[in-house]
Amino acid sequence: MNYTTIAVGVFALVYGIFILALRLRGKEAAFGKLALMKERFGPEAGSRIHFIGYVVLPLVLGAALVLAGLLGANIFRAGR
């Protein structure tokens, strides 16, 4: 068990959940990059890109890191 890897994974999970909660509550004004993405890629595509990058990726990465940490992986040292 590697507590550092687990902690980084939990942080990523909390971040993804926090951003998802803000999006569900309609507080999109808090996301400066979302407006830029909507402007560049269009409203629907920009929103999807933002959702994948700021919600889906942190949740998937967080779950993978927590699992890896529970299995003993250390993300800060290669080969250990």
C-alpha atoms as a PDB file:
ATOM      1  CA  MET A   1       0.000   0.000   0.000  1.00  0.00           C
ATOM      2  CA  ASN A   2       1.374   3.375  -0.999  1.00  0.00           C
ATOM      3  CA  TYR A   3      -0.245   6.281   0.799  1.00  0.00           C
ATOM      4  CA  THR A   4       1.197   8.990  -1.454  1.00  0.00           C
ATOM      5  CA  THR A   5      -0.290   7.437  -4.577  1.00  0.00           C
ATOM      6  CA  ILE A   6      -3.612   6.961  -2.789  1.00  0.00           C
ATOM      7  CA  ALA A   7      -3.600  10.591  -1.635  1.00  0.00           C
ATOM      8  CA  VAL A   8      -2.967  11.892  -5.158  1.00  0.00           C
ATOM      9  CA  GLY A   9      -5.750   9.650  -6.435  1.00  0.00           C
ATOM     10  CA  VAL A  10      -8.180  10.867  -3.781  1.00  0.00           C
ATOM     11  CA  PHE A  11      -7.291  14.471  -4.626  1.00  0.00           C
ATOM     12  CA  ALA A  12      -8.054  13.821  -8.315  1.00  0.00           C
ATOM     13  CA  LEU A  13     -11.373  12.174  -7.386  1.00  0.00           C
ATOM     14  CA  VAL A  14     -12.373  15.079  -5.146  1.00  0.00           C
ATOM     15  CA  TYR A  15     -11.419  17.574  -7.855  1.00  0.00           C
ATOM     16  CA  GLY A  16     -13.488  15.758 -10.478  1.00  0.00           C
ATOM     17  CA  ILE A  17     -16.495  15.509  -8.146  1.00  0.00           C
ATOM     18  CA  PHE A  18     -16.184  19.187  -7.216  1.00  0.00           C
ATOM     19  CA  ILE A  19     -16.118  20.318 -10.847  1.00  0.00           C
ATOM     20  CA  LEU A  20     -19.041  18.016 -11.652  1.00  0.00           C
ATOM     21  CA  ALA A  21     -21.031  19.488  -8.758  1.00  0.00           C
ATOM     22  CA  LEU A  22     -20.340  23.031  -9.970  1.00  0.00           C
ATOM     23  CA  ARG A  23     -21.453  22.108 -13.483  1.00  0.00           C
ATOM     24  CA  LEU A  24     -24.644  20.453 -12.229  1.00  0.00           C
ATOM     25  CA  ARG A  25     -25.500  23.529 -10.172  1.00  0.00           C
ATOM     26  CA  GLY A  26     -25.109  25.736 -13.239  1.00  0.00           C
ATOM     27  CA  LYS A  27     -22.125  27.702 -11.953  1.00  0.00           C
ATOM     28  CA  GLU A  28     -20.362  27.731 -15.296  1.00  0.00           C
ATOM     29  CA  ALA A  29     -19.222  31.312 -14.730  1.00  0.00           C
ATOM     30  CA  ALA A  30     -16.566  29.853 -12.394  1.00  0.00           C
ATOM     31  CA  PHE A  31     -14.826  28.209 -15.359  1.00  0.00           C
ATOM     32  CA  GLY A  32     -12.773  30.698 -17.322  1.00  0.00           C
ATOM     33  CA  LYS A  33     -11.470  28.102 -19.766  1.00  0.00           C
ATOM     34  CA  LEU A  34     -14.962  26.820 -20.522  1.00  0.00           C
ATOM     35  CA  ALA A  35     -15.922  30.113 -22.130  1.00  0.00           C
ATOM     36  CA  LEU A  36     -12.757  30.037 -24.253  1.00  0.00           C
ATOM     37  CA  MET A  37     -13.432  26.456 -25.341  1.00  0.00           C
ATOM     38  CA  LYS A  38     -17.030  27.274 -26.241  1.00  0.00           C
ATOM     39  CA  GLU A  39     -15.833  30.267 -28.240  1.00  0.00           C
ATOM     40  CA  ARG A  40     -13.223  28.276 -30.122  1.00  0.00           C
ATOM     41  CA  PHE A  41     -15.021  24.945 -30.669  1.00  0.00           C
ATOM     42  CA  GLY A  42     -18.669  25.968 -30.425  1.00  0.00           C
ATOM     43  CA  PRO A  43     -20.984  25.692 -27.416  1.00  0.00           C
ATOM     44  CA  GLU A  44     -21.640  21.962 -27.526  1.00  0.00           C
ATOM     45  CA  ALA A  45     -18.170  20.723 -28.488  1.00  0.00           C
ATOM     46  CA  GLY A  46     -16.465  23.146 -26.104  1.00  0.00           C
ATOM     47  CA  SER A  47     -18.638  21.978 -23.244  1.00  0.00           C
ATOM     48  CA  ARG A  48     -17.924  18.325 -24.057  1.00  0.00           C
ATOM     49  CA  ILE A  49     -14.181  18.898 -24.246  1.00  0.00           C
ATOM     50  CA  HIS A  50     -14.255  20.715 -20.906  1.00  0.00           C
ATOM     51  CA  PHE A  51     -16.354  17.956 -19.324  1.00  0.00           C
ATOM     52  CA  ILE A  52     -13.997  15.219 -20.512  1.00  0.00           C
ATOM     53  CA  GLY A  53     -10.855  17.109 -19.496  1.00  0.00           C
ATOM     54  CA  TYR A  54     -12.004  18.431 -16.139  1.00  0.00           C
ATOM     55  CA  VAL A  55     -14.472  15.789 -14.921  1.00  0.00           C
ATOM     56  CA  VAL A  56     -14.015  12.449 -16.677  1.00  0.00           C
ATOM     57  CA  LEU A  57     -10.205  12.397 -16.795  1.00  0.00           C
ATOM     58  CA  PRO A  58      -9.688  13.316 -13.119  1.00  0.00           C
ATOM     59  CA  LEU A  59     -12.285  10.725 -12.033  1.00  0.00           C
ATOM     60  CA  VAL A  60     -10.724   7.957 -14.128  1.00  0.00           C
ATOM     61  CA  LEU A  61      -7.168   8.921 -13.170  1.00  0.00           C
ATOM     62  CA  GLY A  62      -8.146   9.215  -9.502  1.00  0.00           C
ATOM     63  CA  ALA A  63      -9.763   5.783  -9.441  1.00  0.00           C
ATOM     64  CA  ALA A  64      -6.756   4.248 -11.208  1.00  0.00           C
ATOM     65  CA  LEU A  65      -4.309   5.893  -8.789  1.00  0.00           C
ATOM     66  CA  VAL A  66      -6.250   4.812  -5.712  1.00  0.00           C
ATOM     67  CA  LEU A  67      -6.338   1.246  -7.008  1.00  0.00           C
ATOM     68  CA  ALA A  68      -2.641   1.350  -7.908  1.00  0.00           C
ATOM     69  CA  GLY A  69      -1.793   2.753  -4.484  1.00  0.00           C
ATOM     70  CA  LEU A  70      -3.766   0.007  -2.776  1.00  0.00           C
ATOM     71  CA  LEU A  71      -1.798  -2.520  -4.809  1.00  0.00           C
ATOM     72  CA  GLY A  72       1.479  -0.916  -3.730  1.00  0.00           C
ATOM     73  CA  ALA A  73       2.451   1.116  -6.799  1.00  0.00           C
ATOM     74  CA  ASN A  74       4.532   4.259  -6.263  1.00  0.00           C
ATOM     75  CA  ILE A  75       3.926   6.968  -8.869  1.00  0.00           C
ATOM     76  CA  PHE A  76       7.011   8.936  -7.840  1.00  0.00           C
ATOM     77  CA  ARG A  77       9.626   6.243  -8.406  1.00  0.00           C
ATOM     78  CA  ALA A  78       9.976   4.215 -11.579  1.00  0.00           C
ATOM     79  CA  GLY A  79      10.577   0.503 -11.182  1.00  0.00           C
ATOM     80  CA  ARG A  80       9.420   0.155  -7.589  1.00  0.00           C
END
